[in-house]
Structures are given as C-alpha cells and as structure tokens.
C-alpha cells in the first residue's frame, strides 16, 4: 500500500519536493517511492 515518504528520504528527493511546491505544482513522480520496489511484477510493468 502507498504510504508516506519518510523523513530520512535522500536529500535530492526532499529538495525536488520543495521545487515542486515552489513551481506551484503539487505532485512528483520518483521511481524509488512511486513504484513498489518489492513487487517484481509491478516493477517490471512500470
């Protein structure tokens, strides 16, 4: 199930989220968090 991006996420991911907010957008796609890395079939499909 989708959850929350952890507070200890890599700095680049956290900074990218800040860039999205400053661009007046709302959503960000990051492979590490938007694809379930533990689900082989989903990983292959995405």
ModelCIF file with pLDDT and N, C-alpha, C, O atoms, coordinates in Angstrom:
data_MODEL
#
_entry.id   MODEL 
#
_entity.id                         1 
_entity.type                       polymer 
_entity.pdbx_number_of_molecules   1 
#
_entity_poly.entity_id                      1 
_entity_poly.type                           'polypeptide(L)' 
_entity_poly.nstd_linkage                   no 
_entity_poly.nstd_monomer                   no 
_entity_poly.pdbx_seq_one_letter_code       
;(UNK)(UNK)(UNK)(UNK)(UNK)(UNK)(UNK)(UNK)(UNK)(UNK)(UNK)(UNK)(UNK)(UNK)(UNK)(UNK)
(UNK)(UNK)(UNK)(UNK)(UNK)(UNK)(UNK)(UNK)(UNK)(UNK)(UNK)(UNK)(UNK)(UNK)(UNK)(UNK)
(UNK)(UNK)(UNK)(UNK)(UNK)(UNK)(UNK)(UNK)(UNK)(UNK)(UNK)(UNK)(UNK)(UNK)
;
_entity_poly.pdbx_seq_one_letter_code_can   XXXXXXXXXXXXXXXXXXXXXXXXXXXXXXXXXXXXXXXXXXXXXX 
_entity_poly.pdbx_strand_id                 A 
#
loop_
_entity_poly_seq.entity_id 
_entity_poly_seq.num 
_entity_poly_seq.mon_id 
_entity_poly_seq.hetero 
1 1  UNK n 
1 2  UNK n 
1 3  UNK n 
1 4  UNK n 
1 5  UNK n 
1 6  UNK n 
1 7  UNK n 
1 8  UNK n 
1 9  UNK n 
1 10 UNK n 
1 11 UNK n 
1 12 UNK n 
1 13 UNK n 
1 14 UNK n 
1 15 UNK n 
1 16 UNK n 
1 17 UNK n 
1 18 UNK n 
1 19 UNK n 
1 20 UNK n 
1 21 UNK n 
1 22 UNK n 
1 23 UNK n 
1 24 UNK n 
1 25 UNK n 
1 26 UNK n 
1 27 UNK n 
1 28 UNK n 
1 29 UNK n 
1 30 UNK n 
1 31 UNK n 
1 32 UNK n 
1 33 UNK n 
1 34 UNK n 
1 35 UNK n 
1 36 UNK n 
1 37 UNK n 
1 38 UNK n 
1 39 UNK n 
1 40 UNK n 
1 41 UNK n 
1 42 UNK n 
1 43 UNK n 
1 44 UNK n 
1 45 UNK n 
1 46 UNK n 
#
_struct_asym.id          A 
_struct_asym.entity_id   1 
#
loop_
_ma_qa_metric.id 
_ma_qa_metric.mode 
_ma_qa_metric.name 
_ma_qa_metric.software_group_id 
_ma_qa_metric.type 
1 global pLDDT . pLDDT 
2 local  pLDDT . pLDDT 
#
_ma_qa_metric_global.metric_id      1 
_ma_qa_metric_global.metric_value   89.22 
_ma_qa_metric_global.model_id       1 
_ma_qa_metric_global.ordinal_id     1 
#
loop_
_ma_qa_metric_local.label_asym_id 
_ma_qa_metric_local.label_comp_id 
_ma_qa_metric_local.label_seq_id 
_ma_qa_metric_local.metric_id 
_ma_qa_metric_local.metric_value 
_ma_qa_metric_local.model_id 
_ma_qa_metric_local.ordinal_id 
A UNK 1  2 49.00 1 1  
A UNK 2  2 61.00 1 2  
A UNK 3  2 87.00 1 3  
A UNK 4  2 89.00 1 4  
A UNK 5  2 93.00 1 5  
A UNK 6  2 91.00 1 6  
A UNK 7  2 89.00 1 7  
A UNK 8  2 91.00 1 8  
A UNK 9  2 93.00 1 9  
A UNK 10 2 95.00 1 10 
A UNK 11 2 96.00 1 11 
A UNK 12 2 97.00 1 12 
A UNK 13 2 96.00 1 13 
A UNK 14 2 97.00 1 14 
A UNK 15 2 98.00 1 15 
A UNK 16 2 98.00 1 16 
A UNK 17 2 98.00 1 17 
A UNK 18 2 98.00 1 18 
A UNK 19 2 98.00 1 19 
A UNK 20 2 98.00 1 20 
A UNK 21 2 97.00 1 21 
A UNK 22 2 97.00 1 22 
A UNK 23 2 97.00 1 23 
A UNK 24 2 96.00 1 24 
A UNK 25 2 96.00 1 25 
A UNK 26 2 96.00 1 26 
A UNK 27 2 97.00 1 27 
A UNK 28 2 98.00 1 28 
A UNK 29 2 96.00 1 29 
A UNK 30 2 95.00 1 30 
A UNK 31 2 91.00 1 31 
A UNK 32 2 89.00 1 32 
A UNK 33 2 92.00 1 33 
A UNK 34 2 90.00 1 34 
A UNK 35 2 86.00 1 35 
A UNK 36 2 81.00 1 36 
A UNK 37 2 78.00 1 37 
A UNK 38 2 80.00 1 38 
A UNK 39 2 81.00 1 39 
A UNK 40 2 84.00 1 40 
A UNK 41 2 82.00 1 41 
A UNK 42 2 80.00 1 42 
A UNK 43 2 78.00 1 43 
A UNK 44 2 79.00 1 44 
A UNK 45 2 79.00 1 45 
A UNK 46 2 77.00 1 46 
#
loop_
_atom_site.group_PDB 
_atom_site.id 
_atom_site.type_symbol 
_atom_site.label_atom_id 
_atom_site.label_alt_id 
_atom_site.label_comp_id 
_atom_site.label_asym_id 
_atom_site.label_entity_id 
_atom_site.label_seq_id 
_atom_site.pdbx_PDB_ins_code 
_atom_site.Cartn_x 
_atom_site.Cartn_y 
_atom_site.Cartn_z 
_atom_site.occupancy 
_atom_site.B_iso_or_equiv 
_atom_site.pdbx_formal_charge 
_atom_site.auth_seq_id 
_atom_site.auth_comp_id 
_atom_site.auth_asym_id 
_atom_site.auth_atom_id 
_atom_site.pdbx_PDB_model_num 
ATOM 1   N N  . UNK A 1 1  ? 0.834  -1.190 0.000   1.00 49.00 ? 1  UNK A N  1 
ATOM 2   C CA . UNK A 1 1  ? 0.000  0.000  0.000   1.00 49.00 ? 1  UNK A CA 1 
ATOM 3   C C  . UNK A 1 1  ? 0.874  1.246  0.000   1.00 49.00 ? 1  UNK A C  1 
ATOM 4   O O  . UNK A 1 1  ? 1.947  1.269  0.603   1.00 49.00 ? 1  UNK A O  1 
ATOM 5   N N  . UNK A 1 2  ? 0.404  2.268  -0.676  1.00 61.00 ? 2  UNK A N  1 
ATOM 6   C CA . UNK A 1 2  ? 1.144  3.518  -0.691  1.00 61.00 ? 2  UNK A CA 1 
ATOM 7   C C  . UNK A 1 2  ? 1.183  4.128  0.692   1.00 61.00 ? 2  UNK A C  1 
ATOM 8   O O  . UNK A 1 2  ? 0.192  4.080  1.420   1.00 61.00 ? 2  UNK A O  1 
ATOM 9   N N  . UNK A 1 3  ? 2.310  4.699  1.062   1.00 87.00 ? 3  UNK A N  1 
ATOM 10  C CA . UNK A 1 3  ? 2.460  5.290  2.383   1.00 87.00 ? 3  UNK A CA 1 
ATOM 11  C C  . UNK A 1 3  ? 3.002  6.691  2.286   1.00 87.00 ? 3  UNK A C  1 
ATOM 12  O O  . UNK A 1 3  ? 2.713  7.411  1.330   1.00 87.00 ? 3  UNK A O  1 
ATOM 13  N N  . UNK A 1 4  ? 3.785  7.081  3.264   1.00 89.00 ? 4  UNK A N  1 
ATOM 14  C CA . UNK A 1 4  ? 4.336  8.421  3.343   1.00 89.00 ? 4  UNK A CA 1 
ATOM 15  C C  . UNK A 1 4  ? 5.821  8.375  3.044   1.00 89.00 ? 4  UNK A C  1 
ATOM 16  O O  . UNK A 1 4  ? 6.522  7.467  3.492   1.00 89.00 ? 4  UNK A O  1 
ATOM 17  N N  . UNK A 1 5  ? 6.305  9.354  2.286   1.00 93.00 ? 5  UNK A N  1 
ATOM 18  C CA . UNK A 1 5  ? 7.744  9.441  2.026   1.00 93.00 ? 5  UNK A CA 1 
ATOM 19  C C  . UNK A 1 5  ? 8.432  9.709  3.365   1.00 93.00 ? 5  UNK A C  1 
ATOM 20  O O  . UNK A 1 5  ? 8.106  10.693 4.029   1.00 93.00 ? 5  UNK A O  1 
ATOM 21  N N  . UNK A 1 6  ? 9.366  8.866  3.773   1.00 91.00 ? 6  UNK A N  1 
ATOM 22  C CA . UNK A 1 6  ? 9.965  9.005  5.102   1.00 91.00 ? 6  UNK A CA 1 
ATOM 23  C C  . UNK A 1 6  ? 10.778 10.286 5.253   1.00 91.00 ? 6  UNK A C  1 
ATOM 24  O O  . UNK A 1 6  ? 11.252 10.864 4.275   1.00 91.00 ? 6  UNK A O  1 
ATOM 25  N N  . UNK A 1 7  ? 10.923 10.709 6.495   1.00 89.00 ? 7  UNK A N  1 
ATOM 26  C CA . UNK A 1 7  ? 11.680 11.935 6.770   1.00 89.00 ? 7  UNK A CA 1 
ATOM 27  C C  . UNK A 1 7  ? 13.157 11.779 6.430   1.00 89.00 ? 7  UNK A C  1 
ATOM 28  O O  . UNK A 1 7  ? 13.848 12.770 6.192   1.00 89.00 ? 7  UNK A O  1 
ATOM 29  N N  . UNK A 1 8  ? 13.652 10.519 6.407   1.00 91.00 ? 8  UNK A N  1 
ATOM 30  C CA . UNK A 1 8  ? 15.060 10.303 6.084   1.00 91.00 ? 8  UNK A CA 1 
ATOM 31  C C  . UNK A 1 8  ? 15.265 9.995  4.600   1.00 91.00 ? 8  UNK A C  1 
ATOM 32  O O  . UNK A 1 8  ? 16.264 9.382  4.224   1.00 91.00 ? 8  UNK A O  1 
ATOM 33  N N  . UNK A 1 9  ? 14.324 10.418 3.763   1.00 93.00 ? 9  UNK A N  1 
ATOM 34  C CA . UNK A 1 9  ? 14.482 10.244 2.317   1.00 93.00 ? 9  UNK A CA 1 
ATOM 35  C C  . UNK A 1 9  ? 15.739 10.960 1.849   1.00 93.00 ? 9  UNK A C  1 
ATOM 36  O O  . UNK A 1 9  ? 16.147 11.943 2.468   1.00 93.00 ? 9  UNK A O  1 
ATOM 37  N N  . UNK A 1 10 ? 16.359 10.496 0.779   1.00 95.00 ? 10 UNK A N  1 
ATOM 38  C CA . UNK A 1 10 ? 17.563 11.163 0.266   1.00 95.00 ? 10 UNK A CA 1 
ATOM 39  C C  . UNK A 1 10 ? 17.325 12.655 0.042   1.00 95.00 ? 10 UNK A C  1 
ATOM 40  O O  . UNK A 1 10 ? 16.226 13.077 -0.319  1.00 95.00 ? 10 UNK A O  1 
ATOM 41  N N  . UNK A 1 11 ? 18.360 13.430 0.259   1.00 96.00 ? 11 UNK A N  1 
ATOM 42  C CA . UNK A 1 11 ? 18.260 14.881 0.190   1.00 96.00 ? 11 UNK A CA 1 
ATOM 43  C C  . UNK A 1 11 ? 17.748 15.354 -1.168  1.00 96.00 ? 11 UNK A C  1 
ATOM 44  O O  . UNK A 1 11 ? 16.979 16.313 -1.239  1.00 96.00 ? 11 UNK A O  1 
ATOM 45  N N  . UNK A 1 12 ? 18.168 14.690 -2.246  1.00 97.00 ? 12 UNK A N  1 
ATOM 46  C CA . UNK A 1 12 ? 17.722 15.102 -3.576  1.00 97.00 ? 12 UNK A CA 1 
ATOM 47  C C  . UNK A 1 12 ? 16.214 14.962 -3.715  1.00 97.00 ? 12 UNK A C  1 
ATOM 48  O O  . UNK A 1 12 ? 15.572 15.802 -4.345  1.00 97.00 ? 12 UNK A O  1 
ATOM 49  N N  . UNK A 1 13 ? 15.647 13.922 -3.142  1.00 96.00 ? 13 UNK A N  1 
ATOM 50  C CA . UNK A 1 13 ? 14.196 13.718 -3.213  1.00 96.00 ? 13 UNK A CA 1 
ATOM 51  C C  . UNK A 1 13 ? 13.478 14.821 -2.430  1.00 96.00 ? 13 UNK A C  1 
ATOM 52  O O  . UNK A 1 13 ? 12.505 15.398 -2.914  1.00 96.00 ? 13 UNK A O  1 
ATOM 53  N N  . UNK A 1 14 ? 13.962 15.108 -1.225  1.00 97.00 ? 14 UNK A N  1 
ATOM 54  C CA . UNK A 1 14 ? 13.362 16.168 -0.423  1.00 97.00 ? 14 UNK A CA 1 
ATOM 55  C C  . UNK A 1 14 ? 13.443 17.520 -1.109  1.00 97.00 ? 14 UNK A C  1 
ATOM 56  O O  . UNK A 1 14 ? 12.484 18.291 -1.083  1.00 97.00 ? 14 UNK A O  1 
ATOM 57  N N  . UNK A 1 15 ? 14.584 17.813 -1.723  1.00 98.00 ? 15 UNK A N  1 
ATOM 58  C CA . UNK A 1 15 ? 14.736 19.088 -2.436  1.00 98.00 ? 15 UNK A CA 1 
ATOM 59  C C  . UNK A 1 15 ? 13.819 19.148 -3.650  1.00 98.00 ? 15 UNK A C  1 
ATOM 60  O O  . UNK A 1 15 ? 13.266 20.204 -3.958  1.00 98.00 ? 15 UNK A O  1 
ATOM 61  N N  . UNK A 1 16 ? 13.654 18.022 -4.340  1.00 98.00 ? 16 UNK A N  1 
ATOM 62  C CA . UNK A 1 16 ? 12.766 18.003 -5.508  1.00 98.00 ? 16 UNK A CA 1 
ATOM 63  C C  . UNK A 1 16 ? 11.326 18.289 -5.101  1.00 98.00 ? 16 UNK A C  1 
ATOM 64  O O  . UNK A 1 16 ? 10.594 18.956 -5.832  1.00 98.00 ? 16 UNK A O  1 
ATOM 65  N N  . UNK A 1 17 ? 10.919 17.789 -3.938  1.00 98.00 ? 17 UNK A N  1 
ATOM 66  C CA . UNK A 1 17 ? 9.575  18.077 -3.440  1.00 98.00 ? 17 UNK A CA 1 
ATOM 67  C C  . UNK A 1 17 ? 9.415  19.575 -3.172  1.00 98.00 ? 17 UNK A C  1 
ATOM 68  O O  . UNK A 1 17 ? 8.349  20.141 -3.416  1.00 98.00 ? 17 UNK A O  1 
ATOM 69  N N  . UNK A 1 18 ? 10.462 20.209 -2.675  1.00 98.00 ? 18 UNK A N  1 
ATOM 70  C CA . UNK A 1 18 ? 10.418 21.652 -2.437  1.00 98.00 ? 18 UNK A CA 1 
ATOM 71  C C  . UNK A 1 18 ? 10.340 22.420 -3.760  1.00 98.00 ? 18 UNK A C  1 
ATOM 72  O O  . UNK A 1 18 ? 9.627  23.418 -3.857  1.00 98.00 ? 18 UNK A O  1 
ATOM 73  N N  . UNK A 1 19 ? 11.068 21.959 -4.770  1.00 98.00 ? 19 UNK A N  1 
ATOM 74  C CA . UNK A 1 19 ? 11.000 22.597 -6.090  1.00 98.00 ? 19 UNK A CA 1 
ATOM 75  C C  . UNK A 1 19 ? 9.581  22.511 -6.639  1.00 98.00 ? 19 UNK A C  1 
ATOM 76  O O  . UNK A 1 19 ? 9.071  23.484 -7.193  1.00 98.00 ? 19 UNK A O  1 
ATOM 77  N N  . UNK A 1 20 ? 8.942  21.355 -6.491  1.00 98.00 ? 20 UNK A N  1 
ATOM 78  C CA . UNK A 1 20 ? 7.570  21.181 -6.966  1.00 98.00 ? 20 UNK A CA 1 
ATOM 79  C C  . UNK A 1 20 ? 6.643  22.196 -6.300  1.00 98.00 ? 20 UNK A C  1 
ATOM 80  O O  . UNK A 1 20 ? 5.809  22.815 -6.962  1.00 98.00 ? 20 UNK A O  1 
ATOM 81  N N  . UNK A 1 21 ? 6.795  22.360 -5.000  1.00 97.00 ? 21 UNK A N  1 
ATOM 82  C CA . UNK A 1 21 ? 5.940  23.315 -4.285  1.00 97.00 ? 21 UNK A CA 1 
ATOM 83  C C  . UNK A 1 21 ? 6.195  24.737 -4.768  1.00 97.00 ? 21 UNK A C  1 
ATOM 84  O O  . UNK A 1 21 ? 5.253  25.512 -4.931  1.00 97.00 ? 21 UNK A O  1 
ATOM 85  N N  . UNK A 1 22 ? 7.447  25.086 -4.996  1.00 97.00 ? 22 UNK A N  1 
ATOM 86  C CA . UNK A 1 22 ? 7.764  26.451 -5.440  1.00 97.00 ? 22 UNK A CA 1 
ATOM 87  C C  . UNK A 1 22 ? 7.307  26.701 -6.873  1.00 97.00 ? 22 UNK A C  1 
ATOM 88  O O  . UNK A 1 22 ? 7.056  27.845 -7.253  1.00 97.00 ? 22 UNK A O  1 
ATOM 89  N N  . UNK A 1 23 ? 7.197  25.646 -7.666  1.00 97.00 ? 23 UNK A N  1 
ATOM 90  C CA . UNK A 1 23 ? 6.703  25.786 -9.033  1.00 97.00 ? 23 UNK A CA 1 
ATOM 91  C C  . UNK A 1 23 ? 5.181  25.848 -9.073  1.00 97.00 ? 23 UNK A C  1 
ATOM 92  O O  . UNK A 1 23 ? 4.585  25.932 -10.147 1.00 97.00 ? 23 UNK A O  1 
ATOM 93  N N  . UNK A 1 24 ? 4.556  25.806 -7.903  1.00 96.00 ? 24 UNK A N  1 
ATOM 94  C CA . UNK A 1 24 ? 3.098  25.843 -7.794  1.00 96.00 ? 24 UNK A CA 1 
ATOM 95  C C  . UNK A 1 24 ? 2.449  24.595 -8.386  1.00 96.00 ? 24 UNK A C  1 
ATOM 96  O O  . UNK A 1 24 ? 1.300  24.632 -8.827  1.00 96.00 ? 24 UNK A O  1 
ATOM 97  N N  . UNK A 1 25 ? 3.200  23.486 -8.392  1.00 96.00 ? 25 UNK A N  1 
ATOM 98  C CA . UNK A 1 25 ? 2.643  22.198 -8.733  1.00 96.00 ? 25 UNK A CA 1 
ATOM 99  C C  . UNK A 1 25 ? 2.352  21.466 -7.418  1.00 96.00 ? 25 UNK A C  1 
ATOM 100 O O  . UNK A 1 25 ? 2.565  22.019 -6.339  1.00 96.00 ? 25 UNK A O  1 
ATOM 101 N N  . UNK A 1 26 ? 1.873  20.243 -7.508  1.00 96.00 ? 26 UNK A N  1 
ATOM 102 C CA . UNK A 1 26 ? 1.557  19.512 -6.292  1.00 96.00 ? 26 UNK A CA 1 
ATOM 103 C C  . UNK A 1 26 ? 2.150  18.111 -6.252  1.00 96.00 ? 26 UNK A C  1 
ATOM 104 O O  . UNK A 1 26 ? 2.465  17.593 -5.181  1.00 96.00 ? 26 UNK A O  1 
ATOM 105 N N  . UNK A 1 27 ? 2.301  17.497 -7.430  1.00 97.00 ? 27 UNK A N  1 
ATOM 106 C CA . UNK A 1 27 ? 2.659  16.083 -7.463  1.00 97.00 ? 27 UNK A CA 1 
ATOM 107 C C  . UNK A 1 27 ? 4.041  15.872 -8.071  1.00 97.00 ? 27 UNK A C  1 
ATOM 108 O O  . UNK A 1 27 ? 4.477  16.605 -8.958  1.00 97.00 ? 27 UNK A O  1 
ATOM 109 N N  . UNK A 1 28 ? 4.708  14.849 -7.563  1.00 98.00 ? 28 UNK A N  1 
ATOM 110 C CA . UNK A 1 28 ? 6.054  14.485 -8.012  1.00 98.00 ? 28 UNK A CA 1 
ATOM 111 C C  . UNK A 1 28 ? 6.138  12.980 -8.179  1.00 98.00 ? 28 UNK A C  1 
ATOM 112 O O  . UNK A 1 28 ? 5.667  12.223 -7.330  1.00 98.00 ? 28 UNK A O  1 
ATOM 113 N N  . UNK A 1 29 ? 6.745  12.546 -9.287  1.00 96.00 ? 29 UNK A N  1 
ATOM 114 C CA . UNK A 1 29 ? 6.968  11.112 -9.511  1.00 96.00 ? 29 UNK A CA 1 
ATOM 115 C C  . UNK A 1 29 ? 8.437  10.806 -9.277  1.00 96.00 ? 29 UNK A C  1 
ATOM 116 O O  . UNK A 1 29 ? 9.313  11.397 -9.909  1.00 96.00 ? 29 UNK A O  1 
ATOM 117 N N  . UNK A 1 30 ? 8.701  9.883  -8.368  1.00 95.00 ? 30 UNK A N  1 
ATOM 118 C CA . UNK A 1 30 ? 10.056 9.425  -8.068  1.00 95.00 ? 30 UNK A CA 1 
ATOM 119 C C  . UNK A 1 30 ? 10.019 7.907  -8.060  1.00 95.00 ? 30 UNK A C  1 
ATOM 120 O O  . UNK A 1 30 ? 9.250  7.313  -7.304  1.00 95.00 ? 30 UNK A O  1 
ATOM 121 N N  . UNK A 1 31 ? 10.830 7.275  -8.880  1.00 91.00 ? 31 UNK A N  1 
ATOM 122 C CA . UNK A 1 31 ? 10.743 5.820  -9.022  1.00 91.00 ? 31 UNK A CA 1 
ATOM 123 C C  . UNK A 1 31 ? 10.873 5.075  -7.695  1.00 91.00 ? 31 UNK A C  1 
ATOM 124 O O  . UNK A 1 31 ? 10.154 4.105  -7.454  1.00 91.00 ? 31 UNK A O  1 
ATOM 125 N N  . UNK A 1 32 ? 11.782 5.522  -6.837  1.00 89.00 ? 32 UNK A N  1 
ATOM 126 C CA . UNK A 1 32 ? 12.036 4.815  -5.585  1.00 89.00 ? 32 UNK A CA 1 
ATOM 127 C C  . UNK A 1 32 ? 10.797 4.712  -4.698  1.00 89.00 ? 32 UNK A C  1 
ATOM 128 O O  . UNK A 1 32 ? 10.620 3.728  -3.981  1.00 89.00 ? 32 UNK A O  1 
ATOM 129 N N  . UNK A 1 33 ? 9.950  5.726  -4.752  1.00 92.00 ? 33 UNK A N  1 
ATOM 130 C CA . UNK A 1 33 ? 8.797  5.762  -3.860  1.00 92.00 ? 33 UNK A CA 1 
ATOM 131 C C  . UNK A 1 33 ? 7.463  5.538  -4.563  1.00 92.00 ? 33 UNK A C  1 
ATOM 132 O O  . UNK A 1 33 ? 6.474  5.201  -3.913  1.00 92.00 ? 33 UNK A O  1 
ATOM 133 N N  . UNK A 1 34 ? 7.421  5.719  -5.875  1.00 90.00 ? 34 UNK A N  1 
ATOM 134 C CA . UNK A 1 34 ? 6.155  5.572  -6.591  1.00 90.00 ? 34 UNK A CA 1 
ATOM 135 C C  . UNK A 1 34 ? 6.003  4.201  -7.242  1.00 90.00 ? 34 UNK A C  1 
ATOM 136 O O  . UNK A 1 34 ? 4.938  3.881  -7.769  1.00 90.00 ? 34 UNK A O  1 
ATOM 137 N N  . UNK A 1 35 ? 7.048  3.398  -7.210  1.00 86.00 ? 35 UNK A N  1 
ATOM 138 C CA . UNK A 1 35 ? 6.992  2.010  -7.648  1.00 86.00 ? 35 UNK A CA 1 
ATOM 139 C C  . UNK A 1 35 ? 7.324  1.136  -6.450  1.00 86.00 ? 35 UNK A C  1 
ATOM 140 O O  . UNK A 1 35 ? 8.320  1.373  -5.768  1.00 86.00 ? 35 UNK A O  1 
ATOM 141 N N  . UNK A 1 36 ? 6.511  0.144  -6.191  1.00 81.00 ? 36 UNK A N  1 
ATOM 142 C CA . UNK A 1 36 ? 6.772  -0.772 -5.087  1.00 81.00 ? 36 UNK A CA 1 
ATOM 143 C C  . UNK A 1 36 ? 7.974  -1.630 -5.474  1.00 81.00 ? 36 UNK A C  1 
ATOM 144 O O  . UNK A 1 36 ? 7.846  -2.570 -6.259  1.00 81.00 ? 36 UNK A O  1 
ATOM 145 N N  . UNK A 1 37 ? 9.137  -1.305 -4.923  1.00 78.00 ? 37 UNK A N  1 
ATOM 146 C CA . UNK A 1 37 ? 10.371 -1.984 -5.291  1.00 78.00 ? 37 UNK A CA 1 
ATOM 147 C C  . UNK A 1 37 ? 10.382 -3.452 -4.863  1.00 78.00 ? 37 UNK A C  1 
ATOM 148 O O  . UNK A 1 37 ? 11.202 -4.232 -5.346  1.00 78.00 ? 37 UNK A O  1 
ATOM 149 N N  . UNK A 1 38 ? 9.490  -3.823 -3.975  1.00 80.00 ? 38 UNK A N  1 
ATOM 150 C CA . UNK A 1 38 ? 9.426  -5.211 -3.520  1.00 80.00 ? 38 UNK A CA 1 
ATOM 151 C C  . UNK A 1 38 ? 8.451  -6.065 -4.309  1.00 80.00 ? 38 UNK A C  1 
ATOM 152 O O  . UNK A 1 38 ? 8.308  -7.258 -4.040  1.00 80.00 ? 38 UNK A O  1 
ATOM 153 N N  . UNK A 1 39 ? 7.772  -5.457 -5.291  1.00 81.00 ? 39 UNK A N  1 
ATOM 154 C CA . UNK A 1 39 ? 6.789  -6.165 -6.099  1.00 81.00 ? 39 UNK A CA 1 
ATOM 155 C C  . UNK A 1 39 ? 7.367  -6.334 -7.495  1.00 81.00 ? 39 UNK A C  1 
ATOM 156 O O  . UNK A 1 39 ? 7.378  -5.388 -8.282  1.00 81.00 ? 39 UNK A O  1 
ATOM 157 N N  . UNK A 1 40 ? 7.851  -7.541 -7.810  1.00 84.00 ? 40 UNK A N  1 
ATOM 158 C CA . UNK A 1 40 ? 8.557  -7.770 -9.068  1.00 84.00 ? 40 UNK A CA 1 
ATOM 159 C C  . UNK A 1 40 ? 7.689  -7.511 -10.288 1.00 84.00 ? 40 UNK A C  1 
ATOM 160 O O  . UNK A 1 40 ? 8.167  -6.938 -11.267 1.00 84.00 ? 40 UNK A O  1 
ATOM 161 N N  . UNK A 1 41 ? 6.425  -7.917 -10.254 1.00 82.00 ? 41 UNK A N  1 
ATOM 162 C CA . UNK A 1 41 ? 5.553  -7.732 -11.416 1.00 82.00 ? 41 UNK A CA 1 
ATOM 163 C C  . UNK A 1 41 ? 5.253  -6.254 -11.646 1.00 82.00 ? 41 UNK A C  1 
ATOM 164 O O  . UNK A 1 41 ? 5.236  -5.789 -12.786 1.00 82.00 ? 41 UNK A O  1 
ATOM 165 N N  . UNK A 1 42 ? 5.015  -5.510 -10.553 1.00 80.00 ? 42 UNK A N  1 
ATOM 166 C CA . UNK A 1 42 ? 4.762  -4.078 -10.690 1.00 80.00 ? 42 UNK A CA 1 
ATOM 167 C C  . UNK A 1 42 ? 6.011  -3.362 -11.178 1.00 80.00 ? 42 UNK A C  1 
ATOM 168 O O  . UNK A 1 42 ? 5.935  -2.475 -12.028 1.00 80.00 ? 42 UNK A O  1 
ATOM 169 N N  . UNK A 1 43 ? 7.151  -3.746 -10.642 1.00 78.00 ? 43 UNK A N  1 
ATOM 170 C CA . UNK A 1 43 ? 8.406  -3.123 -11.055 1.00 78.00 ? 43 UNK A CA 1 
ATOM 171 C C  . UNK A 1 43 ? 8.622  -3.317 -12.547 1.00 78.00 ? 43 UNK A C  1 
ATOM 172 O O  . UNK A 1 43 ? 9.006  -2.378 -13.244 1.00 78.00 ? 43 UNK A O  1 
ATOM 173 N N  . UNK A 1 44 ? 8.379  -4.526 -13.047 1.00 79.00 ? 44 UNK A N  1 
ATOM 174 C CA . UNK A 1 44 ? 8.561  -4.809 -14.475 1.00 79.00 ? 44 UNK A CA 1 
ATOM 175 C C  . UNK A 1 44 ? 7.576  -4.005 -15.315 1.00 79.00 ? 44 UNK A C  1 
ATOM 176 O O  . UNK A 1 44 ? 7.941  -3.451 -16.352 1.00 79.00 ? 44 UNK A O  1 
ATOM 177 N N  . UNK A 1 45 ? 6.318  -3.945 -14.859 1.00 79.00 ? 45 UNK A N  1 
ATOM 178 C CA . UNK A 1 45 ? 5.295  -3.228 -15.618 1.00 79.00 ? 45 UNK A CA 1 
ATOM 179 C C  . UNK A 1 45 ? 5.587  -1.740 -15.697 1.00 79.00 ? 45 UNK A C  1 
ATOM 180 O O  . UNK A 1 45 ? 5.452  -1.137 -16.762 1.00 79.00 ? 45 UNK A O  1 
ATOM 181 N N  . UNK A 1 46 ? 5.989  -1.139 -14.573 1.00 77.00 ? 46 UNK A N  1 
ATOM 182 C CA . UNK A 1 46 ? 6.256  0.295  -14.544 1.00 77.00 ? 46 UNK A CA 1 
ATOM 183 C C  . UNK A 1 46 ? 7.530  0.655  -15.304 1.00 77.00 ? 46 UNK A C  1 
ATOM 184 O O  . UNK A 1 46 ? 7.896  1.828  -15.375 1.00 77.00 ? 46 UNK A O  1 
#
